[in-house]
Amino acid sequence: MLQASYSSQLAAGCDEVGRGCLAGPIVAAAVILPQDYTNLLLKDSKQLTAQQRLWLNALIREEALDWAIGCASVSEIDQLNVLKASHLAMHRAIAQLEIVPEVLLIDGQYFKAYPTIRHRCIVRGDQQHSAIAAASVLAKVYRDQYMQELALQVPGYSWEHNKGYPTLVHRKAIHNLGVTSHHRKGCQAVSRQLHFRLWSS
């Protein structure tokens, strides 16, 4: 069962999605839940169905003391690298919180310290702390909806299904249709295709 609180301190859970994608932004969320908040369905977003995530997304937005979303664009990912862009997205989410937490609970092993707020990195934190799991749900739902809308604007890459991850269908579409402005040029599968088209043109 997830831990509902972090000692007696007001904590914000932070998580991001989209690091392993070939296309689209990295999206992070920061969530402050009430002390002793419990929801038996809440868990790491990857372990939930799409319908469960949508239900929890609405509930968390309503019941959280505060929450916010932050993004890092494709160009920022290419300029900074995936890890630094993840930290940037998290910082942007934290900066939008109206309530200032006493501590940040970060999913993962590394984090660039946020000014004036101490943090704790927790490997698999989305499987241990409710606030981090809640952040994973909000970030996942927001990014999935973004990629579904992007798929309508840029058809052919099946983003409504793969959400930008390197599925076989997505990689074949890059080969057949080329690289778009929404693809991360620093990704090996994308840069390889760019170099191939440049060499063959």
Protein backbone atom coordinates (compact mmCIF):
# COMPACT_ATOMS: atom_id res chain seq x y z
CA MET A 1 0.00 0.00 0.00
CA LEU A 2 1.26 3.49 -0.84
CA GLN A 3 2.48 5.78 1.93
CA ALA A 4 -0.03 8.57 2.44
CA SER A 5 2.35 11.13 3.93
CA TYR A 6 6.01 11.99 4.37
CA SER A 7 6.66 12.45 8.12
CA SER A 8 4.70 15.52 9.23
CA GLN A 9 5.99 17.77 6.45
CA LEU A 10 3.94 19.19 3.62
CA ALA A 11 5.24 17.27 0.62
CA ALA A 12 4.78 17.63 -3.12
CA GLY A 13 5.17 14.49 -5.19
CA CYS A 14 6.83 14.98 -8.58
CA ASP A 15 6.98 12.66 -11.56
CA GLU A 16 7.38 12.92 -15.32
CA VAL A 17 6.42 10.96 -18.43
CA GLY A 18 7.76 10.79 -21.96
CA ARG A 19 11.49 10.39 -21.39
CA GLY A 20 11.72 7.32 -23.63
CA CYS A 21 9.76 8.76 -26.54
CA LEU A 22 10.91 9.63 -30.06
CA ALA A 23 8.40 12.47 -30.37
CA GLY A 24 6.54 14.96 -28.22
CA PRO A 25 7.38 16.83 -25.02
CA ILE A 26 8.32 15.61 -21.59
CA VAL A 27 5.49 16.34 -19.17
CA ALA A 28 5.85 16.56 -15.39
CA ALA A 29 3.36 17.04 -12.59
CA ALA A 30 3.67 18.19 -8.98
CA VAL A 31 0.93 17.22 -6.53
CA ILE A 32 0.31 18.08 -2.88
CA LEU A 33 -2.20 15.72 -1.27
CA PRO A 34 -3.90 16.11 2.11
CA GLN A 35 -2.11 14.39 5.00
CA ASP A 36 -3.19 10.74 5.33
CA TYR A 37 -4.82 10.81 1.89
CA THR A 38 -5.85 7.33 0.80
CA ASN A 39 -7.25 5.90 -2.40
CA LEU A 40 -7.03 2.15 -2.86
CA LEU A 41 -7.00 2.44 -6.66
CA LEU A 42 -4.13 4.95 -6.78
CA LYS A 43 -0.85 3.47 -7.96
CA ASP A 44 1.89 4.01 -10.53
CA SER A 45 0.14 5.18 -13.70
CA LYS A 46 1.79 2.43 -15.77
CA GLN A 47 -0.10 -0.16 -13.70
CA LEU A 48 -3.50 1.41 -14.41
CA THR A 49 -5.83 1.14 -17.38
CA ALA A 50 -6.54 4.24 -19.46
CA GLN A 51 -10.04 4.43 -17.97
CA GLN A 52 -8.70 4.18 -14.41
CA ARG A 53 -6.20 6.96 -15.11
CA LEU A 54 -8.92 9.25 -16.44
CA TRP A 55 -11.08 8.65 -13.37
CA LEU A 56 -8.18 9.22 -11.00
CA ASN A 57 -7.02 12.28 -12.93
CA ALA A 58 -10.35 14.01 -12.31
CA LEU A 59 -10.44 12.91 -8.66
CA ILE A 60 -6.87 14.04 -7.90
CA ARG A 61 -7.45 17.45 -9.48
CA GLU A 62 -10.49 17.84 -7.23
CA GLU A 63 -9.10 16.44 -3.96
CA ALA A 64 -5.46 17.56 -4.02
CA LEU A 65 -4.49 20.59 -1.97
CA ASP A 66 -2.59 21.80 -5.03
CA TRP A 67 -1.31 20.46 -8.34
CA ALA A 68 0.44 21.75 -11.45
CA ILE A 69 1.76 20.60 -14.82
CA GLY A 70 5.09 21.54 -16.43
CA CYS A 71 6.49 20.67 -19.87
CA ALA A 72 9.80 20.62 -21.70
CA SER A 73 9.54 21.00 -25.47
CA VAL A 74 11.16 18.88 -28.16
CA SER A 75 13.68 21.64 -28.92
CA GLU A 76 14.59 21.89 -25.22
CA ILE A 77 15.04 18.11 -25.03
CA ASP A 78 17.40 18.25 -28.03
CA GLN A 79 19.34 21.18 -26.58
CA LEU A 80 19.63 19.97 -22.97
CA ASN A 81 19.31 16.13 -23.14
CA VAL A 82 16.47 14.05 -21.75
CA LEU A 83 17.51 14.08 -18.07
CA LYS A 84 18.01 17.86 -17.86
CA ALA A 85 14.78 18.45 -19.77
CA SER A 86 12.98 16.20 -17.26
CA HIS A 87 14.28 18.34 -14.42
CA LEU A 88 13.22 21.48 -16.28
CA ALA A 89 9.67 20.16 -16.69
CA MET A 90 9.53 19.29 -12.98
CA HIS A 91 10.83 22.74 -12.00
CA ARG A 92 8.14 24.35 -14.14
CA ALA A 93 5.44 22.28 -12.45
CA ILE A 94 6.76 23.12 -8.98
CA ALA A 95 6.96 26.82 -9.83
CA GLN A 96 3.23 26.87 -10.63
CA LEU A 97 2.16 25.48 -7.25
CA GLU A 98 0.30 28.08 -5.22
CA ILE A 99 1.14 26.26 -1.98
CA VAL A 100 4.87 26.06 -1.26
CA PRO A 101 5.75 22.56 -0.04
CA GLU A 102 8.32 21.88 2.66
CA VAL A 103 9.86 18.97 0.76
CA LEU A 104 9.78 17.58 -2.78
CA LEU A 105 9.45 13.83 -3.29
CA ILE A 106 11.05 13.08 -6.65
CA ASP A 107 10.50 9.86 -8.55
CA GLY A 108 13.90 8.59 -9.68
CA GLN A 109 17.54 8.68 -8.75
CA TYR A 110 18.61 12.17 -9.84
CA PHE A 111 17.22 15.69 -9.57
CA LYS A 112 18.53 19.22 -9.98
CA ALA A 113 17.80 20.96 -6.69
CA TYR A 114 14.92 23.41 -6.77
CA PRO A 115 15.74 26.75 -5.10
CA THR A 116 14.69 27.04 -1.43
CA ILE A 117 12.91 23.66 -1.24
CA ARG A 118 14.77 20.54 -0.19
CA HIS A 119 14.10 17.31 -2.00
CA ARG A 120 14.39 13.57 -1.67
CA CYS A 121 14.90 11.27 -4.66
CA ILE A 122 13.09 7.94 -4.38
CA VAL A 123 13.70 5.14 -6.87
CA ARG A 124 10.31 3.70 -7.90
CA GLY A 125 8.73 6.43 -5.82
CA ASP A 126 5.51 6.16 -7.80
CA GLN A 127 5.11 2.69 -6.26
CA GLN A 128 5.72 3.93 -2.72
CA HIS A 129 4.22 7.40 -2.14
CA SER A 130 0.67 8.53 -2.93
CA ALA A 131 1.74 12.04 -3.95
CA ILE A 132 4.25 10.72 -6.49
CA ALA A 133 1.75 8.20 -7.85
CA ALA A 134 -0.80 11.01 -8.18
CA ALA A 135 1.75 13.11 -10.08
CA SER A 136 2.44 10.19 -12.41
CA VAL A 137 -1.27 9.92 -13.20
CA LEU A 138 -1.72 13.64 -13.91
CA ALA A 139 1.39 13.79 -16.10
CA LYS A 140 0.47 10.63 -18.01
CA VAL A 141 -3.12 11.71 -18.75
CA TYR A 142 -2.03 15.21 -19.79
CA ARG A 143 0.66 13.91 -22.16
CA ASP A 144 -1.52 11.15 -23.63
CA GLN A 145 -4.24 13.68 -24.46
CA TYR A 146 -1.64 16.02 -25.96
CA MET A 147 -0.29 13.27 -28.22
CA GLN A 148 -3.80 12.23 -29.26
CA GLU A 149 -4.54 15.80 -30.33
CA LEU A 150 -1.18 16.00 -32.12
CA ALA A 151 -2.01 12.81 -34.01
CA LEU A 152 -4.99 14.57 -35.57
CA GLN A 153 -2.72 17.38 -36.79
CA VAL A 154 0.08 15.08 -37.99
CA PRO A 155 -1.45 11.77 -39.10
CA GLY A 156 0.45 8.67 -40.11
CA TYR A 157 2.64 8.07 -37.04
CA SER A 158 -0.04 6.43 -34.88
CA TRP A 159 0.65 8.80 -31.98
CA GLU A 160 -2.92 8.28 -30.79
CA HIS A 161 -1.81 4.73 -29.94
CA ASN A 162 1.95 4.82 -29.29
CA LYS A 163 2.05 8.34 -27.75
CA GLY A 164 5.43 8.91 -29.39
CA TYR A 165 7.17 5.84 -28.01
CA PRO A 166 9.43 3.81 -30.35
CA THR A 167 7.00 1.10 -31.41
CA LEU A 168 7.59 -0.78 -34.65
CA VAL A 169 4.70 1.09 -36.29
CA HIS A 170 6.17 4.44 -35.25
CA ARG A 171 9.68 3.58 -36.44
CA LYS A 172 8.34 2.34 -39.79
CA ALA A 173 6.37 5.58 -40.18
CA ILE A 174 9.54 7.62 -39.60
CA HIS A 175 11.26 5.58 -42.30
CA ASN A 176 8.38 5.93 -44.77
CA LEU A 177 7.14 9.46 -44.02
CA GLY A 178 10.24 11.14 -42.63
CA VAL A 179 10.97 13.13 -39.50
CA THR A 180 8.59 15.86 -38.30
CA SER A 181 9.21 18.96 -36.21
CA HIS A 182 7.71 17.04 -33.28
CA HIS A 183 10.43 14.38 -33.37
CA ARG A 184 13.45 14.55 -31.08
CA LYS A 185 16.45 14.89 -33.35
CA GLY A 186 18.79 13.67 -30.63
CA CYS A 187 17.15 10.22 -30.50
CA GLN A 188 19.19 7.60 -32.32
CA ALA A 189 16.29 6.24 -34.38
CA VAL A 190 15.39 9.76 -35.50
CA SER A 191 18.91 11.04 -36.16
CA ARG A 192 19.74 7.86 -38.12
CA GLN A 193 16.81 8.54 -40.43
CA LEU A 194 17.81 12.20 -40.82
CA HIS A 195 21.35 11.18 -41.81
CA PHE A 196 20.03 8.52 -44.21
CA ARG A 197 17.77 11.02 -46.02
CA LEU A 198 20.57 13.58 -46.15
CA TRP A 199 22.99 11.01 -47.62
CA SER A 200 20.46 9.66 -50.14
CA SER A 201 19.21 13.06 -51.35
